[in-house]
């Protein structure tokens, strides 16, 4: 998870107060945020210094939990052309931490923030079952939206939000940040780029010791958890990699006999999913939340007609030596502080990309910047509301396939049952 950037700066002068005296304090805090983040950004090796832009896009963040505080706030601090006008959470400690770390105006309810801060874009980083309601409220207030994933709880909710945005002339993007993480972006660019390699098969896997019945908060209360929570990254990436939804899915899910007595969640602690794409192409997802070995959060192998592509998220430092086919000696060094991507043809490897430090902050910044540019130009953002709906449709089909024990066409998904539940605190 991207770490939190904190720093201490001496007080800096603010720009002259606006004529509207009711907004003087809020505007002064916003100007302080811009100046402080610009000063800090110049010290980070992978961040270009920002410039104060008094005509910047006005952005507010709702939800100061894991995604809002640890990903979106530091990402915004590194961006040009934005003005952070507010951050909101119902938790007093979270608000206090955000105000101290980022010098941002904080609010305890969305209505007040929308009325007083007047954002042009709202980042929604609350638990998933609140997304539809909040998106509709933001659209009604005239905001564009960048929403955390999963997009909504049901397909009907997604359709309602998308229709409301279209009617109001507002845009929606999703923070599917793994699409824009350097190592995974490199694979997408290779396969969809000048080489023209056609994907034929892909495997994605996730191994960790995080049984559903052991997790607290809204994630621990989800009845259908594994694919909707962590697995949404894997499903969405496959849709981007193949450039389409699968035609059908098959799935098996189980607690593998490890479920704690009385636990009402966990039947999907291990999920094995097969996805069928056009032209006979296939993909497989394995999520194993009972693994006592090394954590592997997001591993990828994508095979084309001419090469294999690999991406490994997380720190990687390995030295291997030996013989290929017992005849050719080799020495290989793999090093990436936060992950690597490479191309393989036989025994030959070509490095494609390394992740920087704080890769989820960097990839979130990429999503935000490219989404803002898309909103301004009228083009498609890196991950649209339709992309979020597609991922939800595929995930719902996987759970249905596991429940009835047979292959399910994606178009036949029953979306009426809510997939998610949460507690009352933001993200």
Protein backbone atom coordinates (compact mmCIF):
# COMPACT_ATOMS: atom_id res chain seq x y z
CA UNK A 1 0.00 0.00 0.00
CA UNK A 2 1.32 3.46 -0.79
CA UNK A 3 2.79 5.08 2.31
CA UNK A 4 1.62 8.41 3.68
CA UNK A 5 3.75 11.46 2.85
CA UNK A 6 4.04 13.83 5.80
CA UNK A 7 6.24 16.83 6.33
CA UNK A 8 6.67 19.95 8.46
CA UNK A 9 7.01 23.39 6.86
CA UNK A 10 7.19 26.88 8.35
CA UNK A 11 4.10 28.99 7.87
CA UNK A 12 3.93 30.44 4.38
CA UNK A 13 2.17 33.64 3.32
CA UNK A 14 -1.12 33.18 1.52
CA UNK A 15 -2.43 35.05 -1.49
CA UNK A 16 -4.55 38.11 -0.90
CA UNK A 17 -7.97 37.27 0.50
CA UNK A 18 -10.87 37.33 -1.96
CA UNK A 19 -13.56 40.01 -1.71
CA UNK A 20 -16.08 37.40 -0.54
CA UNK A 21 -15.36 37.54 3.20
CA UNK A 22 -17.31 34.34 3.85
CA UNK A 23 -14.72 32.45 1.81
CA UNK A 24 -11.56 34.17 3.12
CA UNK A 25 -10.45 31.44 5.53
CA UNK A 26 -11.21 28.60 3.11
CA UNK A 27 -9.38 30.23 0.19
CA UNK A 28 -6.38 30.99 2.41
CA UNK A 29 -6.15 27.35 3.48
CA UNK A 30 -6.37 26.24 -0.14
CA UNK A 31 -3.55 28.56 -1.16
CA UNK A 32 -1.43 27.25 1.73
CA UNK A 33 -2.03 23.68 0.52
CA UNK A 34 -0.86 24.58 -2.99
CA UNK A 35 2.29 26.33 -1.76
CA UNK A 36 3.21 23.62 0.74
CA UNK A 37 2.71 20.75 -1.67
CA UNK A 38 4.79 22.51 -4.33
CA UNK A 39 7.67 22.95 -1.88
CA UNK A 40 7.51 19.29 -0.83
CA UNK A 41 7.18 17.93 -4.36
CA UNK A 42 10.50 19.45 -5.38
CA UNK A 43 12.25 17.12 -2.91
CA UNK A 44 10.80 13.89 -4.24
CA UNK A 45 12.96 12.26 -6.92
CA UNK A 46 10.00 10.94 -8.91
CA UNK A 47 7.79 14.05 -8.74
CA UNK A 48 8.03 17.13 -10.94
CA UNK A 49 7.55 20.40 -8.99
CA UNK A 50 4.05 21.81 -9.37
CA UNK A 51 3.13 25.42 -10.01
CA UNK A 52 0.50 27.48 -8.21
CA UNK A 53 -2.38 27.85 -10.66
CA UNK A 54 -5.12 30.18 -9.47
CA UNK A 55 -7.37 28.88 -12.25
CA UNK A 56 -6.83 25.29 -11.13
CA UNK A 57 -9.53 22.62 -11.13
CA UNK A 58 -11.20 22.62 -7.72
CA UNK A 59 -11.08 19.11 -6.22
CA UNK A 60 -12.48 17.67 -2.99
CA UNK A 61 -11.94 14.26 -1.42
CA UNK A 62 -14.67 12.32 0.37
CA UNK A 63 -13.37 9.54 2.65
CA UNK A 64 -10.03 9.70 4.46
CA UNK A 65 -9.43 6.00 5.00
CA UNK A 66 -6.86 3.82 3.29
CA UNK A 67 -7.53 4.99 -0.28
CA UNK A 68 -8.38 8.61 0.42
CA UNK A 69 -5.59 9.41 2.86
CA UNK A 70 -2.80 7.10 1.74
CA UNK A 71 -3.29 7.30 -2.05
CA UNK A 72 -5.37 10.26 -3.20
CA UNK A 73 -4.08 12.95 -0.83
CA UNK A 74 -0.37 12.39 -1.59
CA UNK A 75 -1.18 11.97 -5.29
CA UNK A 76 -2.97 15.32 -5.36
CA UNK A 77 -0.01 16.95 -3.61
CA UNK A 78 2.18 16.04 -6.58
CA UNK A 79 -0.10 17.36 -9.33
CA UNK A 80 -0.15 20.54 -11.39
CA UNK A 81 -3.29 22.42 -12.25
CA UNK A 82 -5.44 21.45 -9.29
CA UNK A 83 -6.66 23.12 -6.12
CA UNK A 84 -7.65 20.89 -3.21
CA UNK A 85 -10.59 22.73 -1.68
CA UNK A 86 -11.78 20.20 0.89
CA UNK A 87 -11.53 16.78 2.50
CA UNK A 88 -14.41 15.10 4.30
CA UNK A 89 -14.81 12.19 6.71
CA UNK A 90 -17.16 11.45 9.60
CA UNK A 91 -14.19 10.44 11.79
CA UNK A 92 -12.73 13.31 13.84
CA UNK A 93 -9.21 11.83 14.04
CA UNK A 94 -9.06 11.33 10.29
CA UNK A 95 -10.09 14.93 9.69
CA UNK A 96 -7.52 16.19 12.18
CA UNK A 97 -4.76 14.12 10.57
CA UNK A 98 -5.63 15.41 7.11
CA UNK A 99 -5.76 19.03 8.24
CA UNK A 100 -2.36 18.70 9.93
CA UNK A 101 -0.61 16.77 7.16
CA UNK A 102 -2.04 18.58 4.14
CA UNK A 103 -3.28 21.98 5.41
CA UNK A 104 -6.59 21.31 3.71
CA UNK A 105 -10.04 22.53 4.84
CA UNK A 106 -11.88 19.58 6.41
CA UNK A 107 -15.59 18.85 6.74
CA UNK A 108 -17.69 16.34 8.66
CA UNK A 109 -20.43 15.98 6.04
CA UNK A 110 -20.63 16.01 2.25
CA UNK A 111 -23.48 18.53 1.99
CA UNK A 112 -21.48 21.19 3.83
CA UNK A 113 -18.36 20.53 1.77
CA UNK A 114 -20.24 20.75 -1.53
CA UNK A 115 -21.94 23.99 -0.47
CA UNK A 116 -18.93 25.77 1.03
CA UNK A 117 -15.94 24.42 -0.94
CA UNK A 118 -17.78 24.31 -4.30
CA UNK A 119 -15.60 21.61 -5.89
CA UNK A 120 -15.69 20.99 -9.63
CA UNK A 121 -14.63 17.37 -9.13
CA UNK A 122 -15.23 14.99 -6.24
CA UNK A 123 -13.04 11.99 -5.43
CA UNK A 124 -15.20 9.29 -3.83
CA UNK A 125 -13.10 7.12 -1.50
CA UNK A 126 -15.80 5.71 0.78
CA UNK A 127 -17.00 2.10 1.22
CA UNK A 128 -18.48 0.70 -2.00
CA UNK A 129 -22.10 0.45 -0.92
CA UNK A 130 -22.19 4.25 -0.58
CA UNK A 131 -20.77 4.98 -4.05
CA UNK A 132 -24.01 5.22 -6.01
CA UNK A 133 -25.71 7.57 -3.56
CA UNK A 134 -22.65 9.82 -3.29
CA UNK A 135 -22.04 9.91 -7.04
CA UNK A 136 -25.64 10.97 -7.63
CA UNK A 137 -25.33 13.69 -4.98
CA UNK A 138 -22.09 14.97 -6.49
CA UNK A 139 -23.52 14.99 -10.03
CA UNK A 140 -26.57 16.92 -8.81
CA UNK A 141 -24.17 19.50 -7.32
CA UNK A 142 -22.46 19.90 -10.69
CA UNK A 143 -19.34 17.83 -9.99
CA UNK A 144 -17.42 15.46 -12.19
CA UNK A 145 -16.52 12.30 -10.25
CA UNK A 146 -13.52 10.03 -9.82
CA UNK A 147 -14.69 7.01 -7.86
CA UNK A 148 -12.84 4.23 -6.10
CA UNK A 149 -13.61 0.67 -7.08
CA UNK A 150 -15.82 -1.34 -7.12
CA UNK A 151 -17.91 1.29 -8.89
CA UNK A 152 -21.29 0.36 -7.35
CA UNK A 153 -22.98 -2.54 -5.58
CA UNK A 154 -25.24 -3.55 -8.46
CA UNK A 155 -25.48 -3.10 -12.20
CA UNK A 156 -28.75 -1.22 -11.74
CA UNK A 157 -26.98 1.31 -9.53
CA UNK A 158 -24.23 1.71 -12.13
CA UNK A 159 -26.80 2.31 -14.86
CA UNK A 160 -28.60 4.92 -12.73
CA UNK A 161 -25.39 6.82 -11.99
CA UNK A 162 -24.22 6.72 -15.61
CA UNK A 163 -27.61 7.96 -16.84
CA UNK A 164 -27.59 10.82 -14.32
CA UNK A 165 -24.08 11.86 -15.39
CA UNK A 166 -25.03 11.82 -19.06
CA UNK A 167 -28.16 13.89 -18.43
CA UNK A 168 -26.18 16.46 -16.41
CA UNK A 169 -23.23 16.61 -18.79
CA UNK A 170 -20.85 15.36 -16.07
CA UNK A 171 -18.05 12.81 -16.45
CA UNK A 172 -17.15 9.78 -14.30
CA UNK A 173 -13.82 7.96 -14.06
CA UNK A 174 -12.67 5.15 -11.79
CA UNK A 175 -9.39 4.79 -9.95
CA UNK A 176 -8.39 1.43 -11.40
CA UNK A 177 -4.83 2.39 -10.57
CA UNK A 178 -3.13 -0.86 -11.61
CA UNK A 179 -3.84 0.00 -15.27
CA UNK A 180 -1.58 3.05 -14.80
CA UNK A 181 1.10 1.51 -12.57
CA UNK A 182 4.39 1.59 -14.52
CA UNK A 183 4.99 -2.17 -14.66
CA UNK A 184 1.44 -3.09 -15.68
CA UNK A 185 1.16 -0.10 -18.02
CA UNK A 186 4.32 -1.32 -19.75
CA UNK A 187 2.75 -4.70 -20.53
CA UNK A 188 -0.43 -3.06 -21.86
CA UNK A 189 1.66 -0.77 -24.05
CA UNK A 190 3.79 -3.63 -25.37
CA UNK A 191 0.86 -5.83 -26.29
CA UNK A 192 -1.24 -2.99 -27.69
CA UNK A 193 1.68 -1.01 -29.10
CA UNK A 194 3.89 -1.08 -32.21
CA UNK A 195 4.73 -4.78 -31.80
CA UNK A 196 1.09 -5.65 -32.35
CA UNK A 197 1.43 -8.81 -30.25
CA UNK A 198 -1.93 -10.53 -29.90
CA UNK A 199 -2.76 -11.77 -26.42
CA UNK A 200 -3.77 -15.43 -26.44
CA UNK A 201 -3.65 -16.46 -22.78
CA UNK A 202 -3.14 -14.75 -19.43
CA UNK A 203 -2.77 -15.78 -15.81
CA UNK A 204 -3.15 -13.49 -12.82
CA UNK A 205 -2.66 -14.65 -9.26
CA UNK A 206 -2.72 -13.31 -5.73
CA UNK A 207 -1.43 -15.16 -2.66
CA UNK A 208 -1.67 -13.76 0.85
CA UNK A 209 -2.56 -14.68 4.41
CA UNK A 210 -5.72 -12.58 4.79
CA UNK A 211 -8.70 -14.81 5.49
CA UNK A 212 -11.99 -12.95 5.00
CA UNK A 213 -13.18 -13.68 8.54
CA UNK A 214 -10.07 -12.03 10.04
CA UNK A 215 -10.47 -8.59 8.44
CA UNK A 216 -12.20 -5.71 10.21
CA UNK A 217 -14.42 -2.93 8.93
CA UNK A 218 -16.42 -2.89 5.71
CA UNK A 219 -14.12 -5.35 3.92
CA UNK A 220 -14.66 -7.95 6.61
CA UNK A 221 -18.44 -7.59 6.38
CA UNK A 222 -18.68 -8.34 2.66
CA UNK A 223 -20.56 -11.53 1.88
CA UNK A 224 -18.96 -11.70 -1.56
CA UNK A 225 -15.56 -10.34 -0.71
CA UNK A 226 -12.52 -11.79 -2.42
CA UNK A 227 -13.26 -10.97 -6.06
CA UNK A 228 -15.11 -7.73 -5.30
CA UNK A 229 -12.45 -6.32 -2.98
CA UNK A 230 -8.93 -7.33 -4.11
CA UNK A 231 -10.04 -9.30 -7.16
CA UNK A 232 -11.55 -6.26 -8.89
CA UNK A 233 -7.97 -5.20 -9.73
CA UNK A 234 -7.30 -8.51 -11.44
CA UNK A 235 -10.59 -8.62 -13.32
CA UNK A 236 -10.32 -5.03 -14.52
CA UNK A 237 -6.75 -5.55 -15.71
CA UNK A 238 -7.77 -8.57 -17.76
CA UNK A 239 -10.52 -6.54 -19.42
CA UNK A 240 -7.95 -3.88 -20.32
CA UNK A 241 -5.45 -6.51 -21.51
CA UNK A 242 -7.92 -8.30 -23.81
CA UNK A 243 -9.77 -5.12 -24.76
CA UNK A 244 -13.19 -6.70 -24.16
CA UNK A 245 -15.39 -8.51 -21.68
CA UNK A 246 -15.20 -12.31 -21.63
CA UNK A 247 -18.01 -14.18 -23.33
CA UNK A 248 -18.37 -16.62 -20.43
CA UNK A 249 -16.83 -17.50 -17.07
CA UNK A 250 -16.47 -20.55 -14.84
CA UNK A 251 -15.52 -20.40 -11.17
CA UNK A 252 -14.91 -22.46 -8.06
CA UNK A 253 -14.75 -20.83 -4.61
CA UNK A 254 -14.19 -22.33 -1.18
CA UNK A 255 -12.99 -21.73 2.37
CA UNK A 256 -11.01 -24.96 1.96
CA UNK A 257 -12.05 -26.19 5.38
CA UNK A 258 -10.27 -23.32 7.14
CA UNK A 259 -13.29 -21.18 7.95
CA UNK A 260 -13.64 -20.27 11.61
CA UNK A 261 -16.72 -21.73 13.38
CA UNK A 262 -19.60 -19.29 13.25
CA UNK A 263 -18.05 -17.01 10.62
CA UNK A 264 -20.66 -15.75 8.16
CA UNK A 265 -18.10 -14.76 5.51
CA UNK A 266 -15.23 -16.59 3.88
CA UNK A 267 -16.74 -19.06 1.42
CA UNK A 268 -14.66 -17.31 -1.26
CA UNK A 269 -11.32 -17.36 0.61
CA UNK A 270 -9.91 -19.20 -2.41
CA UNK A 271 -11.28 -18.35 -5.85
CA UNK A 272 -10.31 -20.05 -9.12
CA UNK A 273 -11.80 -18.37 -12.20
CA UNK A 274 -11.59 -19.16 -15.91
CA UNK A 275 -12.57 -16.54 -18.47
CA UNK A 276 -13.33 -17.17 -22.15
CA UNK A 277 -12.64 -14.37 -24.63
CA UNK A 278 -13.22 -14.05 -28.38
CA UNK A 279 -11.34 -16.24 -30.86
CA UNK A 280 -10.90 -18.98 -28.28
CA UNK A 281 -8.57 -16.94 -26.08
CA UNK A 282 -8.48 -17.78 -22.36
CA UNK A 283 -7.48 -16.30 -19.02
CA UNK A 284 -7.30 -17.58 -15.45
CA UNK A 285 -7.43 -15.84 -12.07
CA UNK A 286 -6.34 -17.46 -8.81
CA UNK A 287 -6.93 -15.69 -5.51
CA UNK A 288 -5.59 -17.53 -2.47
CA UNK A 289 -6.26 -15.69 0.80
CA UNK A 290 -5.11 -18.58 3.03
CA UNK A 291 -1.46 -18.65 1.91
CA UNK A 292 1.08 -18.93 4.74
CA UNK A 293 3.99 -18.34 2.40
CA UNK A 294 5.33 -15.28 0.62
CA UNK A 295 2.74 -12.61 -0.22
CA UNK A 296 2.20 -12.06 -3.94
CA UNK A 297 -0.38 -9.33 -4.32
CA UNK A 298 -0.57 -9.07 -8.11
CA UNK A 299 1.36 -11.38 -10.44
CA UNK A 300 0.84 -11.50 -14.20
CA UNK A 301 1.86 -13.72 -17.08
CA UNK A 302 0.48 -12.72 -20.49
CA UNK A 303 1.31 -14.87 -23.51
CA UNK A 304 1.16 -13.68 -27.10
CA UNK A 305 1.99 -15.50 -30.33
CA UNK A 306 5.64 -14.46 -30.08
CA UNK A 307 6.52 -13.75 -26.43
CA UNK A 308 5.53 -14.00 -22.78
CA UNK A 309 5.16 -10.92 -20.62
CA UNK A 310 5.56 -10.96 -16.84
CA UNK A 311 4.87 -8.38 -14.18
CA UNK A 312 5.45 -8.85 -10.46
CA UNK A 313 4.12 -6.25 -8.01
CA UNK A 314 6.06 -5.73 -4.80
CA UNK A 315 9.73 -5.75 -3.87
CA UNK A 316 11.81 -8.20 -5.89
CA UNK A 317 15.49 -8.96 -5.31
CA UNK A 318 16.71 -12.31 -6.61
CA UNK A 319 19.93 -13.80 -7.93
CA UNK A 320 19.73 -17.13 -9.75
CA UNK A 321 22.48 -19.24 -11.25
CA UNK A 322 22.52 -22.62 -12.97
CA UNK A 323 22.24 -24.38 -16.28
CA UNK A 324 19.52 -24.06 -18.91
CA UNK A 325 18.62 -27.54 -20.13
CA UNK A 326 21.77 -28.72 -18.31
CA UNK A 327 24.05 -27.22 -20.97
CA UNK A 328 24.04 -23.41 -20.92
CA UNK A 329 25.27 -21.65 -17.75
CA UNK A 330 23.46 -18.53 -16.61
CA UNK A 331 23.53 -15.85 -13.94
CA UNK A 332 20.45 -13.65 -13.54
CA UNK A 333 19.83 -10.71 -11.21
CA UNK A 334 16.27 -9.41 -10.71
CA UNK A 335 15.87 -6.22 -8.71
CA UNK A 336 12.91 -3.88 -8.36
CA UNK A 337 12.13 -1.99 -5.18
CA UNK A 338 8.38 -2.14 -5.84
CA UNK A 339 8.01 -4.47 -8.80
CA UNK A 340 9.29 -5.41 -12.25
CA UNK A 341 7.93 -6.09 -15.72
CA UNK A 342 9.80 -8.00 -18.41
CA UNK A 343 9.45 -9.75 -21.77
CA UNK A 344 10.52 -13.38 -22.21
CA UNK A 345 11.35 -15.31 -25.36
CA UNK A 346 12.72 -18.69 -24.38
CA UNK A 347 15.49 -18.06 -21.84
CA UNK A 348 16.05 -14.46 -22.90
CA UNK A 349 14.60 -11.63 -20.84
CA UNK A 350 14.17 -7.96 -21.66
CA UNK A 351 13.37 -5.55 -18.83
CA UNK A 352 10.34 -3.39 -19.59
CA UNK A 353 9.81 -1.32 -16.44
CA UNK A 354 10.46 -0.97 -12.73
CA UNK A 355 7.98 0.51 -10.31
CA UNK A 356 9.08 3.60 -8.37
CA UNK A 357 8.69 3.94 -4.63
CA UNK A 358 5.08 4.45 -3.55
CA UNK A 359 3.74 2.82 -6.74
CA UNK A 360 0.06 3.09 -5.82
CA UNK A 361 0.42 6.80 -5.13
CA UNK A 362 2.19 7.25 -8.47
CA UNK A 363 -0.40 5.21 -10.37
CA UNK A 364 -3.27 7.05 -8.65
CA UNK A 365 -1.67 10.34 -9.66
CA UNK A 366 -1.47 9.04 -13.25
CA UNK A 367 -5.17 8.13 -13.18
CA UNK A 368 -6.14 11.52 -11.76
CA UNK A 369 -4.04 13.50 -14.23
CA UNK A 370 -5.19 11.55 -17.26
CA UNK A 371 -8.80 11.59 -16.14
CA UNK A 372 -8.71 15.38 -15.72
CA UNK A 373 -7.17 15.73 -19.17
CA UNK A 374 -9.89 13.46 -20.59
CA UNK A 375 -12.64 15.45 -18.89
CA UNK A 376 -11.22 18.65 -20.41
CA UNK A 377 -10.86 17.23 -23.93
CA UNK A 378 -13.99 15.10 -24.02
CA UNK A 379 -11.96 11.92 -24.57
CA UNK A 380 -12.15 8.63 -22.66
CA UNK A 381 -10.46 8.49 -19.22
CA UNK A 382 -8.07 5.63 -18.36
CA UNK A 383 -10.95 3.77 -16.67
CA UNK A 384 -14.51 4.91 -17.32
CA UNK A 385 -17.78 4.27 -15.54
CA UNK A 386 -18.53 1.71 -18.26
CA UNK A 387 -15.26 -0.06 -17.43
CA UNK A 388 -16.32 -0.19 -13.79
CA UNK A 389 -19.71 -1.58 -14.76
CA UNK A 390 -18.09 -4.21 -16.99
CA UNK A 391 -15.84 -5.39 -14.16
CA UNK A 392 -18.83 -5.66 -11.82
CA UNK A 393 -20.78 -7.64 -14.42
CA UNK A 394 -17.93 -10.12 -14.83
CA UNK A 395 -17.46 -10.50 -11.06
CA UNK A 396 -21.17 -11.10 -10.55
CA UNK A 397 -21.06 -13.79 -13.24
CA UNK A 398 -18.13 -15.47 -11.47
CA UNK A 399 -20.07 -15.70 -8.21
CA UNK A 400 -23.12 -17.02 -10.01
CA UNK A 401 -21.01 -19.64 -11.80
CA UNK A 402 -19.49 -20.75 -8.48
CA UNK A 403 -22.93 -20.91 -6.83
CA UNK A 404 -24.57 -23.10 -9.47
CA UNK A 405 -21.49 -25.05 -10.53
CA UNK A 406 -21.54 -24.37 -14.24
CA UNK A 407 -20.25 -22.04 -16.94
CA UNK A 408 -22.14 -18.73 -17.14
CA UNK A 409 -22.44 -16.35 -20.12
CA UNK A 410 -21.49 -12.88 -18.87
CA UNK A 411 -24.52 -11.30 -20.54
CA UNK A 412 -26.78 -13.55 -18.46
CA UNK A 413 -25.58 -12.23 -15.07
CA UNK A 414 -28.27 -11.67 -12.47
CA UNK A 415 -27.31 -8.30 -10.98
CA UNK A 416 -30.22 -7.81 -8.59
CA UNK A 417 -28.45 -9.03 -5.45
CA UNK A 418 -26.18 -6.46 -3.77
CA UNK A 419 -22.62 -7.73 -3.55
CA UNK A 420 -21.25 -5.46 -0.87
CA UNK A 421 -21.83 -4.37 2.70
CA UNK A 422 -19.99 -1.85 4.83
CA UNK A 423 -19.70 -0.14 8.15
CA UNK A 424 -20.29 3.57 8.52
CA UNK A 425 -16.74 4.87 8.18
CA UNK A 426 -15.18 6.09 4.96
CA UNK A 427 -12.69 4.01 2.92
